[in-house]
Amino acid sequence: MKEVIKWVARAGKDLRAANINLKQNLFDVAAFLSHQAAEKALKALYILKFKRLWKIHDLEKLALTLSADKEIIEHCTKLNPHYMDTRYPIDINYNKKMAEDAVKCSEAVVKWAKKRLKK
């Protein structure tokens, strides 16, 4: 259970950092941290359920494995590209709307995971 608590705490920290970066107009960083927050929250739930860590960055696969509802899976699908697209110098110019959407999706996923962790 200690490991689960650590993963949830890191998810919260990443989500706070995403919001700070959004306010600082660092939109790509906010989107990346949004992905990370959702990933860590889902992994906390995965560890609780399966008693092991799954080393994967695909949020949609994690959510499907955790029997998430359609809305959460859609949020994960939207967040998935931010893991790679924000890390490499490709021709994607992140803007405020993209970052805001990523943070919103992440907040929903983290909230959903935390709710399930309490059950």
Protein backbone atom coordinates (compact mmCIF):
# COMPACT_ATOMS: atom_id res chain seq x y z
CA MET A 1 0.00 0.00 0.00
CA LYS A 2 2.94 2.37 0.60
CA GLU A 3 3.86 2.12 -3.06
CA VAL A 4 0.32 3.04 -4.12
CA ILE A 5 0.38 6.10 -1.86
CA LYS A 6 3.69 7.20 -3.39
CA TRP A 7 2.32 6.91 -6.93
CA VAL A 8 -0.80 8.92 -6.04
CA ALA A 9 1.29 11.61 -4.36
CA ARG A 10 3.48 11.92 -7.45
CA ALA A 11 0.36 12.15 -9.62
CA GLY A 12 -0.85 15.07 -7.51
CA LYS A 13 2.53 16.76 -7.69
CA ASP A 14 2.66 16.40 -11.48
CA LEU A 15 -0.86 17.79 -11.83
CA ARG A 16 0.04 20.81 -9.71
CA ALA A 17 3.17 21.32 -11.81
CA ALA A 18 1.08 21.07 -14.99
CA ASN A 19 -1.16 23.87 -13.75
CA ILE A 20 1.85 26.03 -12.81
CA ASN A 21 3.39 25.54 -16.25
CA LEU A 22 0.06 26.35 -17.89
CA LYS A 23 -0.03 29.67 -16.03
CA GLN A 24 3.56 30.35 -17.14
CA ASN A 25 2.59 29.73 -20.82
CA LEU A 26 4.83 26.64 -20.97
CA PHE A 27 2.14 24.75 -22.81
CA ASP A 28 4.13 21.73 -23.97
CA VAL A 29 5.44 21.14 -20.44
CA ALA A 30 1.91 21.46 -19.03
CA ALA A 31 0.67 18.88 -21.51
CA PHE A 32 3.52 16.48 -20.76
CA LEU A 33 2.99 16.77 -17.01
CA SER A 34 -0.73 16.22 -17.53
CA HIS A 35 0.07 12.91 -19.19
CA GLN A 36 2.45 12.03 -16.36
CA ALA A 37 -0.12 12.80 -13.66
CA ALA A 38 -2.74 10.61 -15.31
CA GLU A 39 -0.21 7.83 -15.87
CA LYS A 40 0.89 7.78 -12.24
CA ALA A 41 -2.68 7.81 -10.94
CA LEU A 42 -3.62 4.92 -13.22
CA LYS A 43 -0.49 3.01 -12.23
CA ALA A 44 -1.36 3.45 -8.55
CA LEU A 45 -4.70 1.82 -9.24
CA TYR A 46 -3.05 -0.89 -11.35
CA ILE A 47 -0.58 -1.70 -8.57
CA LEU A 48 -3.39 -1.93 -6.04
CA LYS A 49 -5.40 -4.24 -8.29
CA PHE A 50 -2.65 -6.46 -9.75
CA LYS A 51 0.07 -6.16 -7.08
CA ARG A 52 2.75 -5.21 -9.58
CA LEU A 53 3.87 -2.31 -11.75
CA TRP A 54 3.13 -2.36 -15.46
CA LYS A 55 5.87 -0.45 -17.26
CA ILE A 56 3.81 1.17 -19.97
CA HIS A 57 3.07 4.74 -21.03
CA ASP A 58 -0.09 4.03 -23.03
CA LEU A 59 -2.86 5.52 -20.91
CA GLU A 60 -5.61 4.05 -23.04
CA LYS A 61 -4.32 0.50 -22.50
CA LEU A 62 -3.97 1.13 -18.78
CA ALA A 63 -7.51 2.50 -18.57
CA LEU A 64 -8.95 -0.40 -20.55
CA THR A 65 -7.16 -2.90 -18.32
CA LEU A 66 -8.61 -1.13 -15.28
CA SER A 67 -12.14 -1.30 -16.77
CA ALA A 68 -12.46 2.47 -16.96
CA ASP A 69 -15.63 3.96 -18.33
CA LYS A 70 -15.85 5.42 -21.84
CA GLU A 71 -15.26 9.01 -20.73
CA ILE A 72 -12.02 8.15 -18.92
CA ILE A 73 -10.79 6.11 -21.87
CA GLU A 74 -11.48 9.08 -24.16
CA HIS A 75 -9.49 11.37 -21.85
CA CYS A 76 -6.62 8.87 -21.92
CA THR A 77 -6.74 8.67 -25.71
CA LYS A 78 -6.47 12.47 -25.89
CA LEU A 79 -3.57 12.53 -23.42
CA ASN A 80 -1.54 9.75 -25.05
CA PRO A 81 0.16 11.83 -27.78
CA HIS A 82 1.52 14.30 -25.23
CA TYR A 83 3.97 11.72 -23.92
CA MET A 84 5.97 11.73 -27.16
CA ASP A 85 4.96 14.92 -28.95
CA THR A 86 6.15 17.16 -26.13
CA ARG A 87 9.53 15.50 -25.75
CA TYR A 88 10.96 15.90 -29.23
CA PRO A 89 11.51 18.92 -31.49
CA ILE A 90 8.72 18.19 -33.94
CA ASP A 91 6.49 20.69 -35.69
CA ILE A 92 3.72 20.88 -33.12
CA ASN A 93 3.22 24.27 -31.56
CA TYR A 94 1.44 23.75 -28.31
CA ASN A 95 -0.99 26.50 -27.45
CA LYS A 96 -3.05 27.47 -24.43
CA LYS A 97 -6.15 25.55 -25.51
CA MET A 98 -4.17 22.34 -26.08
CA ALA A 99 -2.57 22.63 -22.65
CA GLU A 100 -5.85 23.50 -20.94
CA ASP A 101 -7.52 20.49 -22.54
CA ALA A 102 -4.67 18.23 -21.40
CA VAL A 103 -4.89 19.51 -17.83
CA LYS A 104 -8.67 19.05 -17.84
CA CYS A 105 -8.38 15.47 -19.10
CA SER A 106 -5.70 14.71 -16.56
CA GLU A 107 -7.74 16.12 -13.70
CA ALA A 108 -10.64 13.87 -14.68
CA VAL A 109 -8.44 10.77 -14.87
CA VAL A 110 -6.69 11.49 -11.56
CA LYS A 111 -10.02 12.14 -9.85
CA TRP A 112 -11.45 8.89 -11.26
CA ALA A 113 -8.43 6.86 -10.12
CA LYS A 114 -8.43 8.38 -6.63
CA LYS A 115 -12.11 7.59 -6.24
CA ARG A 116 -11.46 3.94 -7.11
CA LEU A 117 -8.48 3.76 -4.77
CA LYS A 118 -10.78 4.62 -1.87
CA LYS A 119 -13.09 1.67 -2.56
